[in-house]
Protein backbone atom coordinates (compact mmCIF):
# COMPACT_ATOMS: atom_id res chain seq x y z
CA UNK A 1 -0.13 -0.09 -0.13
CA UNK A 2 1.35 3.42 -0.86
CA UNK A 3 1.54 6.17 1.70
CA UNK A 4 -0.55 9.30 2.20
CA UNK A 5 0.88 12.53 0.78
CA UNK A 6 -0.22 16.11 1.05
CA UNK A 7 1.62 18.13 -1.82
CA UNK A 8 1.14 21.71 -0.67
CA UNK A 9 1.01 24.95 -2.56
CA UNK A 10 2.19 23.30 -6.06
CA UNK A 11 1.50 25.22 -9.44
CA UNK A 12 -1.00 23.02 -10.86
CA UNK A 13 -0.98 22.48 -14.52
CA UNK A 14 -4.29 20.63 -15.60
CA UNK A 15 -7.14 20.84 -18.01
CA UNK A 16 -6.28 24.27 -19.59
CA UNK A 17 -5.86 25.83 -16.30
CA UNK A 18 -2.67 26.98 -14.09
CA UNK A 19 -3.54 27.36 -10.34
CA UNK A 20 -1.81 27.04 -6.92
CA UNK A 21 -3.55 24.01 -5.07
CA UNK A 22 -2.84 21.30 -2.63
CA UNK A 23 -3.26 17.61 -3.79
CA UNK A 24 -3.94 14.89 -1.15
CA UNK A 25 -2.85 11.40 -2.31
CA UNK A 26 -4.20 8.25 -0.34
CA UNK A 27 -4.49 4.77 -1.47
CA UNK A 28 -3.00 5.20 -4.78
CA UNK A 29 -5.24 7.90 -5.87
CA UNK A 30 -5.81 11.58 -5.73
CA UNK A 31 -8.25 11.83 -2.70
CA UNK A 32 -8.60 15.67 -2.60
CA UNK A 33 -7.66 19.15 -4.54
CA UNK A 34 -8.16 22.38 -2.97
CA UNK A 35 -6.48 25.23 -1.08
CA UNK A 36 -5.17 24.86 2.46
CA UNK A 37 -6.03 21.48 2.66
CA UNK A 38 -5.67 20.17 6.31
CA UNK A 39 -6.40 16.18 6.16
CA UNK A 40 -7.36 14.75 9.51
CA UNK A 41 -5.06 11.74 8.81
CA UNK A 42 -1.27 11.10 9.29
CA UNK A 43 0.47 12.17 6.00
CA UNK A 44 3.69 13.29 4.69
CA UNK A 45 4.13 16.74 3.50
CA UNK A 46 5.96 17.81 0.25
CA UNK A 47 6.30 21.65 -0.18
CA UNK A 48 5.68 22.28 -3.54
CA UNK A 49 5.71 25.98 -3.50
CA UNK A 50 7.58 27.61 -6.67
CA UNK A 51 7.30 24.11 -8.34
CA UNK A 52 4.73 22.83 -10.96
CA UNK A 53 2.70 20.01 -10.90
CA UNK A 54 1.86 18.00 -14.25
CA UNK A 55 -0.10 14.88 -14.58
CA UNK A 56 2.23 12.05 -15.60
CA UNK A 57 3.11 11.82 -19.11
CA UNK A 58 1.74 8.86 -20.98
CA UNK A 59 4.11 7.73 -23.76
CA UNK A 60 2.23 5.92 -26.22
CA UNK A 61 5.08 4.53 -28.42
CA UNK A 62 8.29 3.02 -26.99
CA UNK A 63 10.37 0.23 -27.75
CA UNK A 64 11.93 -1.29 -24.52
CA UNK A 65 13.63 -4.33 -25.96
CA UNK A 66 12.29 -7.16 -23.77
CA UNK A 67 12.21 -9.99 -24.38
CA UNK A 68 15.20 -11.09 -26.60
CA UNK A 69 16.70 -7.60 -27.08
CA UNK A 70 17.82 -6.87 -23.66
CA UNK A 71 21.49 -5.90 -24.48
CA UNK A 72 20.05 -2.62 -26.00
CA UNK A 73 17.46 -1.84 -23.09
CA UNK A 74 15.16 -3.77 -20.75
CA UNK A 75 11.68 -3.06 -19.48
CA UNK A 76 13.31 -2.56 -15.93
CA UNK A 77 15.97 0.07 -17.09
CA UNK A 78 13.84 1.97 -19.55
CA UNK A 79 10.73 2.23 -17.35
CA UNK A 80 13.26 3.97 -14.59
CA UNK A 81 14.55 6.11 -17.25
CA UNK A 82 10.98 7.10 -17.98
CA UNK A 83 9.96 7.84 -14.50
CA UNK A 84 12.87 10.09 -14.04
CA UNK A 85 11.70 12.24 -16.93
CA UNK A 86 8.17 12.37 -15.44
CA UNK A 87 6.61 9.71 -17.67
CA UNK A 88 4.44 7.48 -15.49
CA UNK A 89 2.83 5.20 -18.16
CA UNK A 90 4.08 3.73 -21.28
CA UNK A 91 2.61 1.66 -24.26
CA UNK A 92 5.21 -0.74 -25.71
CA UNK A 93 5.81 -2.25 -29.23
CA UNK A 94 5.77 -5.67 -30.37
CA UNK A 95 8.81 -6.13 -32.63
CA UNK A 96 11.03 -7.88 -29.92
CA UNK A 97 12.39 -11.38 -29.94
CA UNK A 98 10.31 -13.40 -30.40
CA UNK A 99 7.73 -10.90 -31.75
CA UNK A 100 4.53 -10.29 -30.00
CA UNK A 101 2.28 -12.14 -32.43
CA UNK A 102 0.19 -14.46 -30.09
CA UNK A 103 -1.77 -13.96 -26.88
CA UNK A 104 0.60 -16.27 -25.06
CA UNK A 105 3.73 -14.09 -25.76
CA UNK A 106 1.75 -10.95 -25.25
CA UNK A 107 0.71 -12.04 -21.61
CA UNK A 108 4.28 -13.15 -21.07
CA UNK A 109 5.25 -9.43 -21.61
CA UNK A 110 2.75 -8.27 -19.34
CA UNK A 111 4.30 -10.75 -16.49
CA UNK A 112 7.36 -9.01 -17.10
CA UNK A 113 5.97 -5.51 -16.58
CA UNK A 114 4.22 -6.80 -13.56
CA UNK A 115 7.66 -7.84 -11.77
CA UNK A 116 10.03 -5.19 -13.26
CA UNK A 117 8.34 -2.02 -14.35
CA UNK A 118 8.42 1.09 -12.14
CA UNK A 119 5.93 2.71 -14.52
CA UNK A 120 2.49 1.80 -15.49
CA UNK A 121 2.76 -0.11 -18.61
CA UNK A 122 0.93 -1.62 -21.63
CA UNK A 123 2.11 -3.54 -24.76
CA UNK A 124 0.51 -3.75 -28.32
CA UNK A 125 -0.38 -6.96 -29.93
CA UNK A 126 1.48 -7.27 -33.28
CA UNK A 127 -0.25 -7.89 -36.55
CA UNK A 128 1.68 -9.90 -39.28
CA UNK A 129 0.46 -11.29 -42.76
CA UNK A 130 -0.78 -14.35 -41.12
CA UNK A 131 -2.04 -14.00 -37.61
CA UNK A 132 -5.22 -12.22 -37.92
CA UNK A 133 -7.21 -14.60 -35.87
CA UNK A 134 -4.66 -14.34 -32.94
CA UNK A 135 -5.01 -10.47 -33.26
CA UNK A 136 -8.99 -10.79 -33.07
CA UNK A 137 -8.35 -12.46 -29.68
CA UNK A 138 -7.17 -9.27 -27.95
CA UNK A 139 -8.87 -7.81 -25.14
CA UNK A 140 -9.69 -4.17 -25.79
CA UNK A 141 -10.02 -3.44 -21.99
CA UNK A 142 -6.66 -4.71 -20.97
CA UNK A 143 -4.50 -4.00 -23.83
CA UNK A 144 -3.69 -0.66 -25.77
CA UNK A 145 -3.98 -1.41 -29.55
CA UNK A 146 -2.88 -3.45 -32.42
CA UNK A 147 0.32 -2.51 -34.09
CA UNK A 148 0.62 -2.69 -37.86
CA UNK A 149 4.24 -2.06 -39.61
CA UNK A 150 3.03 -0.57 -43.06
CA UNK A 151 6.80 -0.44 -43.53
CA UNK A 152 9.57 -2.73 -42.24
CA UNK A 153 11.28 -0.38 -39.94
CA UNK A 154 13.64 -2.16 -37.88
CA UNK A 155 12.55 -5.65 -37.69
CA UNK A 156 10.69 -8.12 -40.11
CA UNK A 157 6.98 -7.37 -39.14
CA UNK A 158 6.15 -5.59 -42.50
CA UNK A 159 2.49 -6.19 -43.45
CA UNK A 160 2.44 -5.58 -47.16
CA UNK A 161 -0.26 -7.93 -48.31
CA UNK A 162 -3.23 -5.87 -49.66
CA UNK A 163 -5.79 -8.68 -48.73
CA UNK A 164 -4.48 -8.87 -45.25
CA UNK A 165 -4.53 -5.25 -44.65
CA UNK A 166 -8.23 -4.85 -45.90
CA UNK A 167 -8.92 -7.75 -43.20
CA UNK A 168 -7.16 -6.24 -40.33
CA UNK A 169 -8.87 -2.70 -40.95
CA UNK A 170 -12.22 -4.34 -41.79
CA UNK A 171 -12.51 -6.79 -38.77
CA UNK A 172 -10.17 -5.46 -35.72
CA UNK A 173 -12.58 -3.54 -33.57
CA UNK A 174 -9.78 -1.70 -31.35
CA UNK A 175 -7.40 0.91 -32.19
CA UNK A 176 -4.92 0.14 -34.77
CA UNK A 177 -1.54 1.96 -34.56
CA UNK A 178 0.38 2.25 -37.80
CA UNK A 179 4.02 2.74 -38.83
CA UNK A 180 3.51 4.16 -42.28
CA UNK A 181 6.46 4.18 -44.60
CA UNK A 182 6.15 2.71 -48.41
CA UNK A 183 8.70 -0.25 -48.58
CA UNK A 184 8.83 -0.18 -52.32
CA UNK A 185 9.82 3.37 -52.45
CA UNK A 186 12.46 2.95 -49.69
CA UNK A 187 13.96 0.02 -51.66
CA UNK A 188 14.18 2.04 -54.70
CA UNK A 189 15.56 5.13 -53.04
CA UNK A 190 18.18 2.71 -51.21
CA UNK A 191 19.06 1.38 -54.76
CA UNK A 192 19.78 4.61 -56.13
CA UNK A 193 21.70 5.71 -53.22
CA UNK A 194 23.89 2.58 -53.23
CA UNK A 195 24.58 3.03 -57.18
CA UNK A 196 25.78 6.93 -56.14
CA UNK A 197 27.78 6.32 -53.04
CA UNK A 198 28.47 2.78 -52.75
CA UNK A 199 28.58 1.52 -49.20
CA UNK A 200 29.78 5.13 -47.88
CA UNK A 201 26.16 6.47 -47.86
CA UNK A 202 26.10 9.84 -45.93
CA UNK A 203 23.74 9.82 -42.99
CA UNK A 204 22.33 13.16 -44.46
CA UNK A 205 20.81 10.81 -47.13
CA UNK A 206 18.46 9.34 -44.93
CA UNK A 207 15.39 11.46 -45.49
CA UNK A 208 15.90 10.97 -49.05
CA UNK A 209 15.82 7.12 -48.98
CA UNK A 210 13.05 7.24 -46.16
CA UNK A 211 11.46 10.06 -48.24
CA UNK A 212 8.49 12.29 -47.81
CA UNK A 213 6.97 10.35 -50.49
CA UNK A 214 7.23 6.99 -48.89
CA UNK A 215 5.51 8.48 -45.89
CA UNK A 216 2.57 9.91 -47.68
CA UNK A 217 2.09 6.89 -49.76
CA UNK A 218 1.78 4.69 -46.75
CA UNK A 219 -0.12 6.95 -44.29
CA UNK A 220 -2.56 7.96 -46.88
CA UNK A 221 -3.03 4.30 -47.63
CA UNK A 222 -3.98 3.33 -44.02
CA UNK A 223 -6.30 6.53 -43.43
CA UNK A 224 -7.91 5.50 -46.91
CA UNK A 225 -8.42 2.02 -45.23
CA UNK A 226 -9.90 3.39 -42.12
CA UNK A 227 -12.30 5.49 -43.87
CA UNK A 228 -13.55 2.79 -45.77
CA UNK A 229 -13.86 0.53 -43.07
CA UNK A 230 -14.63 2.67 -40.18
CA UNK A 231 -11.50 1.85 -38.42
CA UNK A 232 -9.93 3.32 -35.44
CA UNK A 233 -6.62 4.46 -36.75
CA UNK A 234 -3.58 6.21 -34.86
CA UNK A 235 -0.92 6.99 -37.28
CA UNK A 236 2.36 7.09 -35.20
CA UNK A 237 5.40 9.52 -35.93
CA UNK A 238 4.20 11.99 -38.37
CA UNK A 239 7.43 13.28 -40.09
CA UNK A 240 6.20 15.50 -42.95
CA UNK A 241 3.96 18.49 -43.57
CA UNK A 242 2.43 16.91 -46.64
CA UNK A 243 0.89 14.13 -44.23
CA UNK A 244 -1.04 16.67 -42.30
CA UNK A 245 -3.65 17.15 -45.02
CA UNK A 246 -4.90 13.63 -43.92
CA UNK A 247 -6.00 14.70 -40.41
CA UNK A 248 -8.74 16.74 -39.27
CA UNK A 249 -8.71 19.52 -36.60
CA UNK A 250 -12.23 20.81 -36.57
CA UNK A 251 -13.71 18.00 -34.43
CA UNK A 252 -13.09 17.45 -30.82
CA UNK A 253 -10.52 14.40 -30.06
CA UNK A 254 -13.19 12.22 -28.38
CA UNK A 255 -15.18 12.09 -31.82
CA UNK A 256 -12.01 11.38 -34.00
CA UNK A 257 -11.90 7.90 -35.40
CA UNK A 258 -8.36 9.03 -37.09
CA UNK A 259 -5.65 10.59 -35.25
CA UNK A 260 -2.01 11.17 -35.38
CA UNK A 261 1.12 11.52 -33.22
CA UNK A 262 4.33 13.56 -33.30
CA UNK A 263 7.52 12.81 -31.83
CA UNK A 264 10.05 14.66 -29.93
CA UNK A 265 13.02 14.18 -32.45
CA UNK A 266 10.84 15.42 -35.36
CA UNK A 267 9.93 18.62 -33.34
CA UNK A 268 13.60 19.17 -32.31
CA UNK A 269 15.84 18.08 -35.12
CA UNK A 270 15.90 18.66 -38.73
CA UNK A 271 18.12 17.73 -41.85
CA UNK A 272 20.37 20.33 -40.92
CA UNK A 273 21.59 18.42 -37.92
CA UNK A 274 22.75 15.32 -39.71
CA UNK A 275 26.17 16.92 -40.45
CA UNK A 276 26.78 17.16 -36.76
CA UNK A 277 24.71 14.33 -35.39
CA UNK A 278 24.84 11.72 -37.76
CA UNK A 279 23.98 8.26 -36.68
CA UNK A 280 22.47 9.59 -33.45
CA UNK A 281 19.48 10.80 -35.19
CA UNK A 282 18.81 8.25 -37.55
CA UNK A 283 15.27 7.19 -37.00
CA UNK A 284 12.42 5.55 -38.92
CA UNK A 285 10.76 7.63 -40.23
CA UNK A 286 13.68 9.90 -40.92
CA UNK A 287 14.00 13.44 -39.56
CA UNK A 288 13.40 15.74 -42.55
CA UNK A 289 13.53 19.33 -43.31
CA UNK A 290 13.22 22.29 -41.27
CA UNK A 291 10.15 23.15 -43.32
CA UNK A 292 8.59 19.77 -42.35
CA UNK A 293 9.47 20.38 -38.80
CA UNK A 294 7.59 23.80 -38.86
CA UNK A 295 4.52 22.26 -40.49
CA UNK A 296 4.43 19.36 -37.93
CA UNK A 297 4.64 22.26 -35.29
CA UNK A 298 1.80 24.12 -36.87
CA UNK A 299 -0.06 20.82 -37.07
CA UNK A 300 0.39 20.16 -33.41
CA UNK A 301 -0.67 23.42 -32.36
CA UNK A 302 -3.61 23.41 -34.63
CA UNK A 303 -4.75 19.85 -33.16
CA UNK A 304 -4.46 18.00 -36.49
CA UNK A 305 -1.67 16.18 -34.61
CA UNK A 306 -3.18 14.98 -31.22
CA UNK A 307 -0.31 13.64 -28.86
CA UNK A 308 3.47 13.81 -28.74
CA UNK A 309 5.54 10.55 -27.95
CA UNK A 310 9.10 9.48 -28.13
CA UNK A 311 9.31 6.15 -30.05
CA UNK A 312 12.18 5.45 -27.46
CA UNK A 313 14.11 2.92 -29.19
CA UNK A 314 17.81 2.11 -27.84
CA UNK A 315 20.67 0.60 -29.47
CA UNK A 316 23.99 -0.07 -28.09
CA UNK A 317 26.67 2.40 -29.05
CA UNK A 318 28.44 0.00 -30.81
CA UNK A 319 25.48 -0.76 -33.04
CA UNK A 320 24.91 2.78 -33.63
CA UNK A 321 28.47 3.69 -34.58
CA UNK A 322 28.44 1.82 -37.82
CA UNK A 323 28.33 2.92 -41.58
CA UNK A 324 24.92 4.22 -42.50
CA UNK A 325 23.76 1.15 -44.26
CA UNK A 326 24.31 -0.94 -41.22
CA UNK A 327 23.59 1.44 -38.35
CA UNK A 328 20.23 0.50 -36.94
CA UNK A 329 17.45 3.25 -36.78
CA UNK A 330 16.13 4.66 -33.35
CA UNK A 331 17.54 6.17 -30.29
CA UNK A 332 16.54 6.70 -26.60
CA UNK A 333 14.45 9.75 -25.75
CA UNK A 334 11.95 8.92 -22.85
CA UNK A 335 14.10 10.60 -20.09
CA UNK A 336 14.14 13.87 -21.77
CA UNK A 337 10.84 14.07 -23.38
CA UNK A 338 9.07 16.46 -20.92
CA UNK A 339 12.08 18.61 -20.45
CA UNK A 340 12.47 18.97 -24.02
CA UNK A 341 8.81 19.98 -24.60
CA UNK A 342 9.49 22.60 -21.52
CA UNK A 343 12.45 23.78 -23.38
CA UNK A 344 10.05 24.89 -25.98
CA UNK A 345 7.91 26.32 -23.69
CA UNK A 346 10.76 28.45 -22.29
CA UNK A 347 11.59 29.75 -26.03
CA UNK A 348 7.89 30.65 -26.41
CA UNK A 349 6.81 27.95 -28.99
CA UNK A 350 3.87 26.23 -26.88
CA UNK A 351 2.07 27.01 -23.33
CA UNK A 352 2.17 24.45 -20.39
CA UNK A 353 -1.33 23.75 -20.86
CA UNK A 354 -0.56 22.70 -24.40
CA UNK A 355 2.24 20.46 -23.39
CA UNK A 356 0.08 18.69 -20.78
CA UNK A 357 -2.71 18.37 -23.15
CA UNK A 358 -0.77 16.75 -25.82
CA UNK A 359 1.25 14.54 -23.58
CA UNK A 360 -1.12 13.45 -21.08
CA UNK A 361 -4.71 14.62 -21.32
CA UNK A 362 -4.95 13.66 -25.19
CA UNK A 363 -3.37 10.22 -24.88
CA UNK A 364 -5.63 9.08 -22.08
CA UNK A 365 -8.63 10.38 -24.35
CA UNK A 366 -7.22 8.89 -27.61
CA UNK A 367 -6.58 5.55 -26.00
CA UNK A 368 -9.48 5.40 -23.47
CA UNK A 369 -7.05 5.14 -20.69
CA UNK A 370 -9.05 4.27 -17.39
CA UNK A 371 -8.42 7.04 -14.65
CA UNK A 372 -5.22 8.31 -15.83
CA UNK A 373 -3.98 11.34 -17.62
CA UNK A 374 -5.77 14.08 -15.59
CA UNK A 375 -5.47 15.42 -12.17
CA UNK A 376 -8.72 14.77 -10.89
CA UNK A 377 -10.31 13.57 -7.51
CA UNK A 378 -10.63 9.64 -7.59
CA UNK A 379 -8.01 9.14 -10.33
CA UNK A 380 -4.98 7.37 -9.81
CA UNK A 381 -2.12 9.81 -8.60
CA UNK A 382 0.19 9.73 -11.44
CA UNK A 383 2.06 13.21 -10.98
CA UNK A 384 5.15 14.97 -11.90
CA UNK A 385 6.54 17.80 -9.80
CA UNK A 386 8.98 19.96 -12.03
CA UNK A 387 11.40 22.88 -11.08
CA UNK A 388 10.82 25.18 -14.33
CA UNK A 389 14.23 27.02 -13.34
CA UNK A 390 16.61 24.45 -12.44
CA UNK A 391 19.36 24.08 -15.27
CA UNK A 392 21.16 21.04 -15.89
CA UNK A 393 23.06 19.36 -18.79
CA UNK A 394 22.70 15.98 -20.17
CA UNK A 395 25.92 14.12 -19.73
CA UNK A 396 26.95 10.38 -19.68
CA UNK A 397 26.67 10.16 -15.97
CA UNK A 398 23.30 11.09 -15.70
CA UNK A 399 21.72 9.25 -18.83
CA UNK A 400 19.55 6.23 -17.26
CA UNK A 401 18.73 4.41 -20.52
CA UNK A 402 20.87 1.14 -20.71
CA UNK A 403 22.32 2.04 -24.05
CA UNK A 404 24.26 4.89 -22.06
CA UNK A 405 23.96 7.49 -24.74
CA UNK A 406 21.52 10.07 -26.13
CA UNK A 407 21.19 12.51 -28.92
CA UNK A 408 20.64 15.22 -26.41
CA UNK A 409 24.20 14.60 -24.59
CA UNK A 410 25.55 18.15 -24.07
CA UNK A 411 22.06 19.86 -24.22
CA UNK A 412 21.48 22.29 -21.28
CA UNK A 413 17.80 21.97 -20.24
CA UNK A 414 16.33 24.86 -17.92
CA UNK A 415 13.80 22.59 -16.33
CA UNK A 416 14.25 19.59 -14.23
CA UNK A 417 11.79 16.76 -12.98
CA UNK A 418 12.06 16.65 -9.12
CA UNK A 419 9.58 13.81 -8.23
CA UNK A 420 7.36 11.69 -9.81
CA UNK A 421 4.54 9.66 -8.24
CA UNK A 422 3.26 6.45 -10.09
CA UNK A 423 -0.24 5.46 -8.59
CA UNK A 424 0.39 7.36 -5.67
CA UNK A 425 3.61 5.64 -5.05
CA UNK A 426 6.69 8.24 -4.84
CA UNK A 427 8.87 6.07 -7.26
CA UNK A 428 11.41 9.10 -7.95
CA UNK A 429 12.75 11.76 -5.69
CA UNK A 430 15.52 14.05 -6.53
CA UNK A 431 17.84 11.33 -8.35
CA UNK A 432 16.71 8.34 -6.16
CA UNK A 433 14.51 5.64 -6.78
CA UNK A 434 12.18 3.80 -4.48
CA UNK A 435 11.34 0.61 -6.03
CA UNK A 436 9.17 -0.98 -3.24
CA UNK A 437 5.94 -0.76 -5.63
CA UNK A 438 5.83 -1.23 -9.09
CA UNK A 439 3.75 0.13 -11.74
CA UNK A 440 0.36 -0.85 -12.74
CA UNK A 441 -1.25 -2.47 -15.86
CA UNK A 442 -3.30 0.28 -17.78
CA UNK A 443 -6.96 -0.63 -18.34
CA UNK A 444 -9.14 0.99 -21.01
CA UNK A 445 -12.56 2.04 -21.30
CA UNK A 446 -14.92 0.33 -23.96
């Protein structure tokens, strides 16, 4: 059982407002929100005056690499990195080893999460060209969604059969999350690059190989299928401005059947950074032009893009530090996602209320997460206490992802996560973890 806490005089950012409040946490949940609370029970008091209280971040796209790829990362290590960054819940992808393509393998991952994850957790069921009947057994009240790789990315879960895609989109009743890149376009672009550069392809060619055209062809196909069959579709990691025409901003999120996600790296980096960062910013889909980045920002702020995530996908430095064709795509981001967005707040690009909306509220609405994503009485106490004026620099000795590197290494952030509550448990406090209580499996409303 978690302890009882009274958080005093924190600046609460929640549901479009910023106000000074006290929060009473008891039995894993938010018992009371108010001013000058004086509960008639034993409690531990936390003075949050001058600090900001955010609902815990819910990251809807991570790769924690377990089982089978634990030399890159583990649910245990990456969940700790998440909690240190104010991320209290994550949804993890199926391209592990063995791939999560059966209900048995899916439940095996939940058992690992139950035993080892400091954060709350959910795991996607994976779709392939030949496991539809297994996919249809997925419990939508206990599993965040079904993942379809409409582009092979890293791994071999490409779903490229037209009839299979029609069956998936017409029969799966729950949220389908898609990675959208057209494989044939990418293969042709790679062949042209090899012809031009041989094995010494520069990393700055990545957005030309995994091109804007490849993204649009695939994402427009997914949206077309979803519209045809009335599917609940969530398109992950939008990387181009062109794709924004596929999404709506004129209806409430709760009424949308087709939604979109932006990732931290597509908001932060552009193709101008390849010269300095190289392999460190090789992701799929690729980081593209500064124009695309600006258009993604416009889409985010206009509500064509609904949520912000990381696509946290660690590889060892030895794996990343290879020539372009061999170096895998992906990198660790979850520890720094909230402070990166808060850096944009300091720059005047986004408000605190919008950050909370895109990283917490909207994820909970999009996925119908039960009793999380908002600071409300009766909801689970998933909270991050943040000092907006505590500069610190990312360095090797403070990176918590198992891989031990970050594309943000050397970056000076002006905000710092001080404490993180997970389901009422003070899991992280000023650099120290309390692992006595693990996170909980997320549940979802029908």
